[in-house]
Amino acid sequence: MRISNFIVPCLLLFNVYCNALPYAYVTNEKDDTLSIIDMNSFEVIDTIDIGDRPRGFILSADQKLAYICASDSNRIQILDLETLTIVGDLPSGEDPETIALHPNGTTIYTANEDDALLTVIDIPSKSVISQIDVGVEPEGLAVSHDGKTMVVTSETTNMVHWVDTKTHANIANSLVAARPRDAHFSLNDDLLWVSSEIGGTVSVFDTASKEKIKEIEFKIKGVFRDKIQPVGILLMKDQPKAFVALGPANRVAVVNTDTYEVEDYILVGRRVWHLAFNEDQSLLLTTNGVSGDVSVVDANSYDVVKTVKVGRYPWGVAVKYK
């Protein structure tokens, strides 16, 4: 065998796994797998087996590890992103669904849907620091950029619970429309955006007063009102734009964060769920549960530049770029 016939494929493989950043990682809820997408070619380069019913997925502060909510396995798995192997677990309580990382990089929060709890976990010691009673079916989580406040939404109680990250006390509760799903702080932490799936709206709160200052509604020509179900939210850093996934409406809304006006709707895959940006926020990724794919959207032109087939019921998504 010619040496080049062996060396060239090895060099290509090395380039794919070591030098071809960025990658996107997508949890496939029905397949119990994680799809890995090369963001240069927009192709799935690997699919690995993980825990049962994986949903929430986040990267560590240094992006060397990932944390996966294996909901039906009742644990948070730790994935080494270099070797693509599970290297440990974190105690999570029953049915961890979503997950958020404190800016200190050592504290993780997870929502325990079945037990109406927010679990606070210390990563280095792999121990539970606290479990906080919240509303029924907690899901959406967000930590302020200054690390002082975190929020959790409860789907059945229809509330946002405000938690002091030092005392782990639930310091306030704010009502929202039916079935709140996701939450997102503005860059300077003065506002909190919360999506309500069944209510069909996004609420914007003043974080100082905990008062709602705006409720955004969505209307799409030719789409029934009950199909418009806001879930994932992302806010841009350098432009006054928010992107809101609208579930079975199969669209992402573009909202002006200065005026709160809906500027456009982007047609993506079926049952769009969660969202992620690449590093410079020029691209938006959407997980489309029913169609089993990821839409790659130009965040400026709103064109879908690629559709990537992944596993069944893609749910969580994150992009590694360093």
C-alpha atoms as a PDB file:
ATOM      1  CA  MET A   1       0.000   0.000   0.000  1.00  0.00           C
ATOM      2  CA  ARG A   2       1.294   3.461  -0.851  1.00  0.00           C
ATOM      3  CA  ILE A   3       2.086   5.546   2.256  1.00  0.00           C
ATOM      4  CA  SER A   4       0.119   8.499   0.863  1.00  0.00           C
ATOM      5  CA  ASN A   5      -2.999   6.335   0.698  1.00  0.00           C
ATOM      6  CA  PHE A   6      -2.775   5.966   4.479  1.00  0.00           C
ATOM      7  CA  ILE A   7      -1.490   9.396   5.462  1.00  0.00           C
ATOM      8  CA  VAL A   8      -3.977  11.521   3.514  1.00  0.00           C
ATOM      9  CA  PRO A   9      -7.138  10.059   5.117  1.00  0.00           C
ATOM     10  CA  CYS A  10      -5.514  10.332   8.560  1.00  0.00           C
ATOM     11  CA  LEU A  11      -4.658  13.984   7.977  1.00  0.00           C
ATOM     12  CA  LEU A  12      -8.209  14.655   6.833  1.00  0.00           C
ATOM     13  CA  LEU A  13      -9.591  12.958   9.926  1.00  0.00           C
ATOM     14  CA  PHE A  14      -7.202  14.945  12.149  1.00  0.00           C
ATOM     15  CA  ASN A  15      -8.343  18.162  10.488  1.00  0.00           C
ATOM     16  CA  VAL A  16     -12.011  17.323  11.015  1.00  0.00           C
ATOM     17  CA  TYR A  17     -11.696  16.580  14.731  1.00  0.00           C
ATOM     18  CA  CYS A  18      -8.880  18.908  15.773  1.00  0.00           C
ATOM     19  CA  ASN A  19      -8.702  21.934  13.497  1.00  0.00           C
ATOM     20  CA  ALA A  20     -12.094  22.446  11.909  1.00  0.00           C
ATOM     21  CA  LEU A  21     -13.841  24.515  14.560  1.00  0.00           C
ATOM     22  CA  PRO A  22     -16.582  25.488  15.032  1.00  0.00           C
ATOM     23  CA  TYR A  23     -18.817  22.520  15.759  1.00  0.00           C
ATOM     24  CA  ALA A  24     -22.481  22.449  16.670  1.00  0.00           C
ATOM     25  CA  TYR A  25     -23.826  19.811  19.053  1.00  0.00           C
ATOM     26  CA  VAL A  26     -27.474  18.736  18.935  1.00  0.00           C
ATOM     27  CA  THR A  27     -29.289  16.464  21.401  1.00  0.00           C
ATOM     28  CA  ASN A  28     -31.729  14.052  19.763  1.00  0.00           C
ATOM     29  CA  GLU A  29     -34.481  13.392  22.287  1.00  0.00           C
ATOM     30  CA  LYS A  30     -35.965  10.253  20.688  1.00  0.00           C
ATOM     31  CA  ASP A  31     -32.703   8.608  19.602  1.00  0.00           C
ATOM     32  CA  ASP A  32     -30.710   9.128  22.831  1.00  0.00           C
ATOM     33  CA  THR A  33     -27.878  10.515  20.721  1.00  0.00           C
ATOM     34  CA  LEU A  34     -25.820  13.622  20.123  1.00  0.00           C
ATOM     35  CA  SER A  35     -25.217  14.818  16.547  1.00  0.00           C
ATOM     36  CA  ILE A  36     -22.022  16.766  15.829  1.00  0.00           C
ATOM     37  CA  ILE A  37     -22.137  19.223  12.929  1.00  0.00           C
ATOM     38  CA  ASP A  38     -19.068  20.675  11.232  1.00  0.00           C
ATOM     39  CA  MET A  39     -19.981  24.348  10.884  1.00  0.00           C
ATOM     40  CA  ASN A  40     -17.621  24.737   7.921  1.00  0.00           C
ATOM     41  CA  SER A  41     -19.271  22.087   5.740  1.00  0.00           C
ATOM     42  CA  PHE A  42     -22.655  21.986   7.562  1.00  0.00           C
ATOM     43  CA  GLU A  43     -22.471  18.211   7.638  1.00  0.00           C
ATOM     44  CA  VAL A  44     -22.942  15.761  10.503  1.00  0.00           C
ATOM     45  CA  ILE A  45     -19.502  14.313  11.140  1.00  0.00           C
ATOM     46  CA  ASP A  46     -20.406  12.053  14.057  1.00  0.00           C
ATOM     47  CA  THR A  47     -23.323  10.797  16.123  1.00  0.00           C
ATOM     48  CA  ILE A  48     -22.657   9.383  19.582  1.00  0.00           C
ATOM     49  CA  ASP A  49     -24.829   7.516  22.076  1.00  0.00           C
ATOM     50  CA  ILE A  50     -25.612   9.358  25.293  1.00  0.00           C
ATOM     51  CA  GLY A  51     -28.178   9.025  28.120  1.00  0.00           C
ATOM     52  CA  ASP A  52     -31.912   8.494  27.837  1.00  0.00           C
ATOM     53  CA  ARG A  53     -34.011  11.360  26.459  1.00  0.00           C
ATOM     54  CA  PRO A  54     -31.286  14.025  26.226  1.00  0.00           C
ATOM     55  CA  ARG A  55     -32.588  17.577  26.198  1.00  0.00           C
ATOM     56  CA  GLY A  56     -30.702  20.473  27.824  1.00  0.00           C
ATOM     57  CA  PHE A  57     -27.105  20.864  26.605  1.00  0.00           C
ATOM     58  CA  ILE A  58     -24.506  23.501  27.561  1.00  0.00           C
ATOM     59  CA  LEU A  59     -20.752  23.948  27.237  1.00  0.00           C
ATOM     60  CA  SER A  60     -18.327  24.515  30.100  1.00  0.00           C
ATOM     61  CA  ALA A  61     -16.737  27.963  30.401  1.00  0.00           C
ATOM     62  CA  ASP A  62     -13.563  26.805  28.609  1.00  0.00           C
ATOM     63  CA  GLN A  63     -15.589  24.761  26.078  1.00  0.00           C
ATOM     64  CA  LYS A  64     -13.616  21.618  26.826  1.00  0.00           C
ATOM     65  CA  LEU A  65     -16.573  19.825  28.370  1.00  0.00           C
ATOM     66  CA  ALA A  66     -20.307  19.685  27.828  1.00  0.00           C
ATOM     67  CA  TYR A  67     -23.095  19.013  30.277  1.00  0.00           C
ATOM     68  CA  ILE A  68     -26.114  17.019  29.068  1.00  0.00           C
ATOM     69  CA  CYS A  69     -29.495  16.609  30.756  1.00  0.00           C
ATOM     70  CA  ALA A  70     -30.214  12.909  30.280  1.00  0.00           C
ATOM     71  CA  SER A  71     -33.754  13.345  31.551  1.00  0.00           C
ATOM     72  CA  ASP A  72     -34.931   9.737  31.702  1.00  0.00           C
ATOM     73  CA  SER A  73     -31.581   8.618  33.115  1.00  0.00           C
ATOM     74  CA  ASN A  74     -32.023  11.124  35.966  1.00  0.00           C
ATOM     75  CA  ARG A  75     -28.542  12.518  35.641  1.00  0.00           C
ATOM     76  CA  ILE A  76     -26.416  15.214  34.058  1.00  0.00           C
ATOM     77  CA  GLN A  77     -23.693  13.651  31.965  1.00  0.00           C
ATOM     78  CA  ILE A  78     -20.243  15.199  31.519  1.00  0.00           C
ATOM     79  CA  LEU A  79     -18.925  14.865  27.967  1.00  0.00           C
ATOM     80  CA  ASP A  80     -15.260  15.374  27.069  1.00  0.00           C
ATOM     81  CA  LEU A  81     -15.426  17.246  23.761  1.00  0.00           C
ATOM     82  CA  GLU A  82     -11.967  16.142  22.641  1.00  0.00           C
ATOM     83  CA  THR A  83     -12.455  12.413  23.094  1.00  0.00           C
ATOM     84  CA  LEU A  84     -16.265  12.471  22.730  1.00  0.00           C
ATOM     85  CA  THR A  85     -16.620  10.197  25.735  1.00  0.00           C
ATOM     86  CA  ILE A  86     -18.761  10.498  28.850  1.00  0.00           C
ATOM     87  CA  VAL A  87     -16.300  11.099  31.693  1.00  0.00           C
ATOM     88  CA  GLY A  88     -18.666  11.450  34.631  1.00  0.00           C
ATOM     89  CA  ASP A  89     -22.029  12.507  35.982  1.00  0.00           C
ATOM     90  CA  LEU A  90     -23.390  15.274  38.160  1.00  0.00           C
ATOM     91  CA  PRO A  91     -26.154  14.688  40.718  1.00  0.00           C
ATOM     92  CA  SER A  92     -29.271  16.244  39.267  1.00  0.00           C
ATOM     93  CA  GLY A  93     -32.376  15.008  41.024  1.00  0.00           C
ATOM     94  CA  GLU A  94     -35.275  13.492  39.119  1.00  0.00           C
ATOM     95  CA  ASP A  95     -35.905  14.291  35.446  1.00  0.00           C
ATOM     96  CA  PRO A  96     -33.438  17.123  34.735  1.00  0.00           C
ATOM     97  CA  GLU A  97     -34.707  18.912  31.643  1.00  0.00           C
ATOM     98  CA  THR A  98     -32.861  22.196  31.227  1.00  0.00           C
ATOM     99  CA  ILE A  99     -29.539  23.441  32.498  1.00  0.00           C
ATOM    100  CA  ALA A 100     -27.734  26.751  33.039  1.00  0.00           C
ATOM    101  CA  LEU A 101     -24.181  27.652  34.025  1.00  0.00           C
ATOM    102  CA  HIS A 102     -23.305  30.417  36.476  1.00  0.00           C
ATOM    103  CA  PRO A 103     -20.692  32.920  35.202  1.00  0.00           C
ATOM    104  CA  ASN A 104     -18.281  31.546  37.834  1.00  0.00           C
ATOM    105  CA  GLY A 105     -18.068  28.388  35.704  1.00  0.00           C
ATOM    106  CA  THR A 106     -18.360  26.094  38.730  1.00  0.00           C
ATOM    107  CA  THR A 107     -22.075  26.175  39.537  1.00  0.00           C
ATOM    108  CA  ILE A 108     -24.818  24.561  37.478  1.00  0.00           C
ATOM    109  CA  TYR A 109     -28.564  24.910  37.822  1.00  0.00           C
ATOM    110  CA  THR A 110     -31.051  22.356  36.562  1.00  0.00           C
ATOM    111  CA  ALA A 111     -34.844  22.235  36.517  1.00  0.00           C
ATOM    112  CA  ASN A 112     -36.440  19.070  37.929  1.00  0.00           C
ATOM    113  CA  GLU A 113     -39.770  19.012  36.153  1.00  0.00           C
ATOM    114  CA  ASP A 114     -41.385  16.127  38.049  1.00  0.00           C
ATOM    115  CA  ASP A 115     -40.443  17.399  41.527  1.00  0.00           C
ATOM    116  CA  ALA A 116     -41.049  21.172  41.111  1.00  0.00           C
ATOM    117  CA  LEU A 117     -37.474  21.865  42.181  1.00  0.00           C
ATOM    118  CA  LEU A 118     -34.498  23.912  41.097  1.00  0.00           C
ATOM    119  CA  THR A 119     -31.297  22.017  41.877  1.00  0.00           C
ATOM    120  CA  VAL A 120     -28.026  23.895  42.436  1.00  0.00           C
ATOM    121  CA  ILE A 121     -24.895  21.817  41.817  1.00  0.00           C
ATOM    122  CA  ASP A 122     -21.221  22.450  42.585  1.00  0.00           C
ATOM    123  CA  ILE A 123     -19.236  21.079  39.635  1.00  0.00           C
ATOM    124  CA  PRO A 124     -15.787  20.519  41.242  1.00  0.00           C
ATOM    125  CA  SER A 125     -17.165  18.495  44.166  1.00  0.00           C
ATOM    126  CA  LYS A 126     -20.021  16.990  42.149  1.00  0.00           C
ATOM    127  CA  SER A 127     -22.391  17.749  44.990  1.00  0.00           C
ATOM    128  CA  VAL A 128     -25.809  19.344  45.386  1.00  0.00           C
ATOM    129  CA  ILE A 129     -25.547  22.726  47.092  1.00  0.00           C
ATOM    130  CA  SER A 130     -29.255  23.388  47.374  1.00  0.00           C
ATOM    131  CA  GLN A 131     -32.688  22.384  46.134  1.00  0.00           C
ATOM    132  CA  ILE A 132     -35.208  25.206  45.873  1.00  0.00           C
ATOM    133  CA  ASP A 133     -38.980  24.769  45.762  1.00  0.00           C
ATOM    134  CA  VAL A 134     -40.461  26.482  42.722  1.00  0.00           C
ATOM    135  CA  GLY A 135     -43.676  26.170  40.712  1.00  0.00           C
ATOM    136  CA  VAL A 136     -45.122  23.105  39.030  1.00  0.00           C
ATOM    137  CA  GLU A 137     -43.148  21.769  36.034  1.00  0.00           C
ATOM    138  CA  PRO A 138     -40.129  24.089  36.049  1.00  0.00           C
ATOM    139  CA  GLU A 139     -38.323  24.369  32.714  1.00  0.00           C
ATOM    140  CA  GLY A 140     -36.759  27.594  31.477  1.00  0.00           C
ATOM    141  CA  LEU A 141     -33.570  28.774  33.193  1.00  0.00           C
ATOM    142  CA  ALA A 142     -31.437  31.888  32.882  1.00  0.00           C
ATOM    143  CA  VAL A 143     -28.611  33.371  34.942  1.00  0.00           C
ATOM    144  CA  SER A 144     -27.885  37.092  34.835  1.00  0.00           C
ATOM    145  CA  HIS A 145     -24.538  38.088  33.372  1.00  0.00           C
ATOM    146  CA  ASP A 146     -23.460  39.583  36.707  1.00  0.00           C
ATOM    147  CA  GLY A 147     -24.237  36.246  38.377  1.00  0.00           C
ATOM    148  CA  LYS A 148     -26.469  37.738  41.078  1.00  0.00           C
ATOM    149  CA  THR A 149     -29.855  36.482  39.904  1.00  0.00           C
ATOM    150  CA  MET A 150     -31.189  33.414  38.228  1.00  0.00           C
ATOM    151  CA  VAL A 151     -34.723  32.699  37.090  1.00  0.00           C
ATOM    152  CA  VAL A 152     -36.756  29.585  36.474  1.00  0.00           C
ATOM    153  CA  THR A 153     -40.098  29.388  34.686  1.00  0.00           C
ATOM    154  CA  SER A 154     -42.826  26.990  35.838  1.00  0.00           C
ATOM    155  CA  GLU A 155     -45.047  25.715  33.040  1.00  0.00           C
ATOM    156  CA  THR A 156     -48.148  24.830  35.053  1.00  0.00           C
ATOM    157  CA  THR A 157     -47.949  27.605  37.654  1.00  0.00           C
ATOM    158  CA  ASN A 158     -47.407  30.161  34.851  1.00  0.00           C
ATOM    159  CA  MET A 159     -44.759  32.046  36.786  1.00  0.00           C
ATOM    160  CA  VAL A 160     -41.208  33.293  36.645  1.00  0.00           C
ATOM    161  CA  HIS A 161     -39.379  32.666  39.929  1.00  0.00           C
ATOM    162  CA  TRP A 162     -36.510  35.036  40.776  1.00  0.00           C
ATOM    163  CA  VAL A 163     -33.726  33.423  42.833  1.00  0.00           C
ATOM    164  CA  ASP A 164     -30.854  35.106  44.669  1.00  0.00           C
ATOM    165  CA  THR A 165     -27.762  33.098  43.710  1.00  0.00           C
ATOM    166  CA  LYS A 166     -25.991  33.802  47.044  1.00  0.00           C
ATOM    167  CA  THR A 167     -28.777  32.856  49.426  1.00  0.00           C
ATOM    168  CA  HIS A 168     -30.601  30.462  47.070  1.00  0.00           C
ATOM    169  CA  ALA A 169     -33.828  32.137  48.170  1.00  0.00           C
ATOM    170  CA  ASN A 170     -36.813  32.587  45.884  1.00  0.00           C
ATOM    171  CA  ILE A 171     -37.129  36.365  46.243  1.00  0.00           C
ATOM    172  CA  ALA A 172     -40.024  37.121  43.869  1.00  0.00           C
ATOM    173  CA  ASN A 173     -42.600  35.537  41.576  1.00  0.00           C
ATOM    174  CA  SER A 174     -44.016  37.107  38.417  1.00  0.00           C
ATOM    175  CA  LEU A 175     -47.075  35.917  36.516  1.00  0.00           C
ATOM    176  CA  VAL A 176     -46.824  35.280  32.767  1.00  0.00           C
ATOM    177  CA  ALA A 177     -49.087  33.823  30.102  1.00  0.00           C
ATOM    178  CA  ALA A 178     -49.751  30.086  29.928  1.00  0.00           C
ATOM    179  CA  ARG A 179     -46.866  27.606  29.872  1.00  0.00           C
ATOM    180  CA  PRO A 180     -43.687  29.691  30.066  1.00  0.00           C
ATOM    181  CA  ARG A 181     -40.812  27.894  28.378  1.00  0.00           C
ATOM    182  CA  ASP A 182     -37.614  29.905  27.985  1.00  0.00           C
ATOM    183  CA  ALA A 183     -35.989  32.948  29.588  1.00  0.00           C
ATOM    184  CA  HIS A 184     -33.157  35.223  28.512  1.00  0.00           C
ATOM    185  CA  PHE A 185     -31.493  38.235  30.189  1.00  0.00           C
ATOM    186  CA  SER A 186     -30.473  41.258  28.130  1.00  0.00           C
ATOM    187  CA  LEU A 187     -26.741  41.918  27.923  1.00  0.00           C
ATOM    188  CA  ASN A 188     -26.765  44.535  30.718  1.00  0.00           C
ATOM    189  CA  ASP A 189     -29.247  42.490  32.795  1.00  0.00           C
ATOM    190  CA  ASP A 190     -31.846  45.262  32.920  1.00  0.00           C
ATOM    191  CA  LEU A 191     -34.472  43.207  31.083  1.00  0.00           C
ATOM    192  CA  LEU A 192     -35.677  39.616  31.120  1.00  0.00           C
ATOM    193  CA  TRP A 193     -37.464  38.034  28.151  1.00  0.00           C
ATOM    194  CA  VAL A 194     -39.785  35.069  28.787  1.00  0.00           C
ATOM    195  CA  SER A 195     -41.656  32.989  26.199  1.00  0.00           C
ATOM    196  CA  SER A 196     -45.104  31.513  26.893  1.00  0.00           C
ATOM    197  CA  GLU A 197     -45.841  28.549  24.658  1.00  0.00           C
ATOM    198  CA  ILE A 198     -49.608  28.178  25.095  1.00  0.00           C
ATOM    199  CA  GLY A 199     -50.159  31.869  25.770  1.00  0.00           C
ATOM    200  CA  GLY A 200     -48.505  32.593  22.428  1.00  0.00           C
ATOM    201  CA  THR A 201     -46.605  35.620  23.720  1.00  0.00           C
ATOM    202  CA  VAL A 202     -43.235  36.854  24.949  1.00  0.00           C
ATOM    203  CA  SER A 203     -43.172  38.933  28.139  1.00  0.00           C
ATOM    204  CA  VAL A 204     -40.435  41.486  28.841  1.00  0.00           C
ATOM    205  CA  PHE A 205     -39.710  42.298  32.489  1.00  0.00           C
ATOM    206  CA  ASP A 206     -37.825  45.104  34.161  1.00  0.00           C
ATOM    207  CA  THR A 207     -35.392  43.157  36.345  1.00  0.00           C
ATOM    208  CA  ALA A 208     -35.128  45.835  39.046  1.00  0.00           C
ATOM    209  CA  SER A 209     -38.863  46.013  39.720  1.00  0.00           C
ATOM    210  CA  LYS A 210     -39.742  42.500  38.501  1.00  0.00           C
ATOM    211  CA  GLU A 211     -42.653  44.159  36.673  1.00  0.00           C
ATOM    212  CA  LYS A 212     -43.787  43.272  33.166  1.00  0.00           C
ATOM    213  CA  ILE A 213     -43.241  46.194  30.809  1.00  0.00           C
ATOM    214  CA  LYS A 214     -44.243  44.611  27.498  1.00  0.00           C
ATOM    215  CA  GLU A 215     -46.095  41.620  26.111  1.00  0.00           C
ATOM    216  CA  ILE A 216     -45.286  40.780  22.498  1.00  0.00           C
ATOM    217  CA  GLU A 217     -47.817  38.980  20.309  1.00  0.00           C
ATOM    218  CA  PHE A 218     -47.254  37.210  16.998  1.00  0.00           C
ATOM    219  CA  LYS A 219     -49.492  37.022  13.929  1.00  0.00           C
ATOM    220  CA  ILE A 220     -48.583  35.044  10.833  1.00  0.00           C
ATOM    221  CA  LYS A 221     -50.735  35.149   7.734  1.00  0.00           C
ATOM    222  CA  GLY A 222     -52.142  31.717   6.975  1.00  0.00           C
ATOM    223  CA  VAL A 223     -51.123  30.204  10.331  1.00  0.00           C
ATOM    224  CA  PHE A 224     -53.742  29.471  12.981  1.00  0.00           C
ATOM    225  CA  ARG A 225     -53.281  31.272  16.274  1.00  0.00           C
ATOM    226  CA  ASP A 226     -52.973  28.043  18.273  1.00  0.00           C
ATOM    227  CA  LYS A 227     -50.002  26.964  16.122  1.00  0.00           C
ATOM    228  CA  ILE A 228     -47.951  29.974  17.219  1.00  0.00           C
ATOM    229  CA  GLN A 229     -46.182  28.670  20.333  1.00  0.00           C
ATOM    230  CA  PRO A 230     -43.093  30.656  21.425  1.00  0.00           C
ATOM    231  CA  VAL A 231     -40.300  28.596  22.972  1.00  0.00           C
ATOM    232  CA  GLY A 232     -36.568  29.323  22.526  1.00  0.00           C
ATOM    233  CA  ILE A 233     -35.319  32.929  22.691  1.00  0.00           C
ATOM    234  CA  LEU A 234     -31.965  34.478  21.734  1.00  0.00           C
ATOM    235  CA  LEU A 235     -30.888  38.130  21.897  1.00  0.00           C
ATOM    236  CA  MET A 236     -28.093  39.530  19.730  1.00  0.00           C
ATOM    237  CA  LYS A 237     -25.165  41.328  21.387  1.00  0.00           C
ATOM    238  CA  ASP A 238     -24.465  44.056  18.853  1.00  0.00           C
ATOM    239  CA  GLN A 239     -27.802  44.535  17.121  1.00  0.00           C
ATOM    240  CA  PRO A 240     -31.277  45.323  18.528  1.00  0.00           C
ATOM    241  CA  LYS A 241     -32.708  41.944  17.546  1.00  0.00           C
ATOM    242  CA  ALA A 242     -34.292  39.038  19.346  1.00  0.00           C
ATOM    243  CA  PHE A 243     -35.055  35.710  17.695  1.00  0.00           C
ATOM    244  CA  VAL A 244     -38.002  33.693  18.996  1.00  0.00           C
ATOM    245  CA  ALA A 245     -38.727  30.094  17.960  1.00  0.00           C
ATOM    246  CA  LEU A 246     -42.463  29.669  17.348  1.00  0.00           C
ATOM    247  CA  GLY A 247     -42.854  25.897  17.612  1.00  0.00           C
ATOM    248  CA  PRO A 248     -45.443  24.320  15.257  1.00  0.00           C
ATOM    249  CA  ALA A 249     -45.760  27.605  13.348  1.00  0.00           C
ATOM    250  CA  ASN A 250     -42.434  26.426  11.825  1.00  0.00           C
ATOM    251  CA  ARG A 251     -41.037  29.941  11.986  1.00  0.00           C
ATOM    252  CA  VAL A 252     -38.629  32.105  13.931  1.00  0.00           C
ATOM    253  CA  ALA A 253     -39.814  35.631  14.712  1.00  0.00           C
ATOM    254  CA  VAL A 254     -37.386  38.552  14.470  1.00  0.00           C
ATOM    255  CA  VAL A 255     -38.212  41.195  17.102  1.00  0.00           C
ATOM    256  CA  ASN A 256     -36.701  44.673  17.370  1.00  0.00           C
ATOM    257  CA  THR A 257     -35.537  44.928  20.992  1.00  0.00           C
ATOM    258  CA  ASP A 258     -35.792  48.744  20.980  1.00  0.00           C
ATOM    259  CA  THR A 259     -39.380  48.983  19.728  1.00  0.00           C
ATOM    260  CA  TYR A 260     -40.628  45.444  20.548  1.00  0.00           C
ATOM    261  CA  GLU A 261     -42.071  45.277  17.039  1.00  0.00           C
ATOM    262  CA  VAL A 262     -41.994  42.014  15.082  1.00  0.00           C
ATOM    263  CA  GLU A 263     -39.968  42.782  11.967  1.00  0.00           C
ATOM    264  CA  ASP A 264     -40.022  39.457  10.152  1.00  0.00           C
ATOM    265  CA  TYR A 265     -40.754  35.736  10.278  1.00  0.00           C
ATOM    266  CA  ILE A 266     -38.260  33.132   9.044  1.00  0.00           C
ATOM    267  CA  LEU A 267     -39.635  29.845   7.698  1.00  0.00           C
ATOM    268  CA  VAL A 268     -37.534  26.952   9.052  1.00  0.00           C
ATOM    269  CA  GLY A 269     -38.172  23.251   9.781  1.00  0.00           C
ATOM    270  CA  ARG A 270     -41.173  21.663  11.482  1.00  0.00           C
ATOM    271  CA  ARG A 271     -41.713  22.292  15.205  1.00  0.00           C
ATOM    272  CA  VAL A 272     -38.798  24.657  15.799  1.00  0.00           C
ATOM    273  CA  TRP A 273     -37.665  24.335  19.377  1.00  0.00           C
ATOM    274  CA  HIS A 274     -34.336  25.856  20.504  1.00  0.00           C
ATOM    275  CA  LEU A 275     -31.760  28.252  19.047  1.00  0.00           C
ATOM    276  CA  ALA A 276     -28.008  28.911  19.067  1.00  0.00           C
ATOM    277  CA  PHE A 277     -25.616  31.415  17.484  1.00  0.00           C
ATOM    278  CA  ASN A 278     -22.154  30.859  16.083  1.00  0.00           C
ATOM    279  CA  GLU A 279     -19.362  32.953  17.648  1.00  0.00           C
ATOM    280  CA  ASP A 280     -19.897  36.206  15.719  1.00  0.00           C
ATOM    281  CA  GLN A 281     -23.683  35.737  15.642  1.00  0.00           C
ATOM    282  CA  SER A 282     -23.755  35.800  11.866  1.00  0.00           C
ATOM    283  CA  LEU A 283     -25.528  32.436  11.841  1.00  0.00           C
ATOM    284  CA  LEU A 284     -28.522  31.195  13.788  1.00  0.00           C
ATOM    285  CA  LEU A 285     -29.169  27.474  14.296  1.00  0.00           C
ATOM    286  CA  THR A 286     -32.648  26.103  14.989  1.00  0.00           C
ATOM    287  CA  THR A 287     -33.545  22.614  16.202  1.00  0.00           C
ATOM    288  CA  ASN A 288     -36.643  21.396  14.393  1.00  0.00           C
ATOM    289  CA  GLY A 289     -38.171  18.518  16.343  1.00  0.00           C
ATOM    290  CA  VAL A 290     -40.734  17.033  13.974  1.00  0.00           C
ATOM    291  CA  SER A 291     -38.666  17.316  10.788  1.00  0.00           C
ATOM    292  CA  GLY A 292     -35.565  15.991  12.563  1.00  0.00           C
ATOM    293  CA  ASP A 293     -33.198  18.635  11.242  1.00  0.00           C
ATOM    294  CA  VAL A 294     -31.343  21.844  11.991  1.00  0.00           C
ATOM    295  CA  SER A 295     -31.857  25.020   9.970  1.00  0.00           C
ATOM    296  CA  VAL A 296     -28.803  27.249   9.499  1.00  0.00           C
ATOM    297  CA  VAL A 297     -30.024  30.829   9.088  1.00  0.00           C
ATOM    298  CA  ASP A 298     -28.120  33.923   7.984  1.00  0.00           C
ATOM    299  CA  ALA A 299     -28.828  36.220  10.943  1.00  0.00           C
ATOM    300  CA  ASN A 300     -28.715  39.351   8.762  1.00  0.00           C
ATOM    301  CA  SER A 301     -30.534  38.347   5.552  1.00  0.00           C
ATOM    302  CA  TYR A 302     -32.798  35.788   7.307  1.00  0.00           C
ATOM    303  CA  ASP A 303     -32.145  33.257   4.542  1.00  0.00           C
ATOM    304  CA  VAL A 304     -31.926  29.572   5.425  1.00  0.00           C
ATOM    305  CA  VAL A 305     -28.523  28.721   3.966  1.00  0.00           C
ATOM    306  CA  LYS A 306     -28.539  25.036   4.883  1.00  0.00           C
ATOM    307  CA  THR A 307     -30.764  22.332   6.349  1.00  0.00           C
ATOM    308  CA  VAL A 308     -28.856  19.601   8.203  1.00  0.00           C
ATOM    309  CA  LYS A 309     -30.525  16.266   8.895  1.00  0.00           C
ATOM    310  CA  VAL A 310     -29.827  15.008  12.421  1.00  0.00           C
ATOM    311  CA  GLY A 311     -31.610  12.461  14.660  1.00  0.00           C
ATOM    312  CA  ARG A 312     -35.197  12.158  15.802  1.00  0.00           C
ATOM    313  CA  TYR A 313     -36.630  15.098  17.730  1.00  0.00           C
ATOM    314  CA  PRO A 314     -33.596  17.377  18.024  1.00  0.00           C
ATOM    315  CA  TRP A 315     -33.956  19.518  21.158  1.00  0.00           C
ATOM    316  CA  GLY A 316     -30.880  21.248  22.616  1.00  0.00           C
ATOM    317  CA  VAL A 317     -28.109  22.922  20.628  1.00  0.00           C
ATOM    318  CA  ALA A 318     -24.816  24.696  21.353  1.00  0.00           C
ATOM    319  CA  VAL A 319     -21.820  25.801  19.263  1.00  0.00           C
ATOM    320  CA  LYS A 320     -18.166  25.251  20.254  1.00  0.00           C
ATOM    321  CA  TYR A 321     -15.804  27.771  18.692  1.00  0.00           C
ATOM    322  CA  LYS A 322     -12.642  27.620  20.771  1.00  0.00           C
END
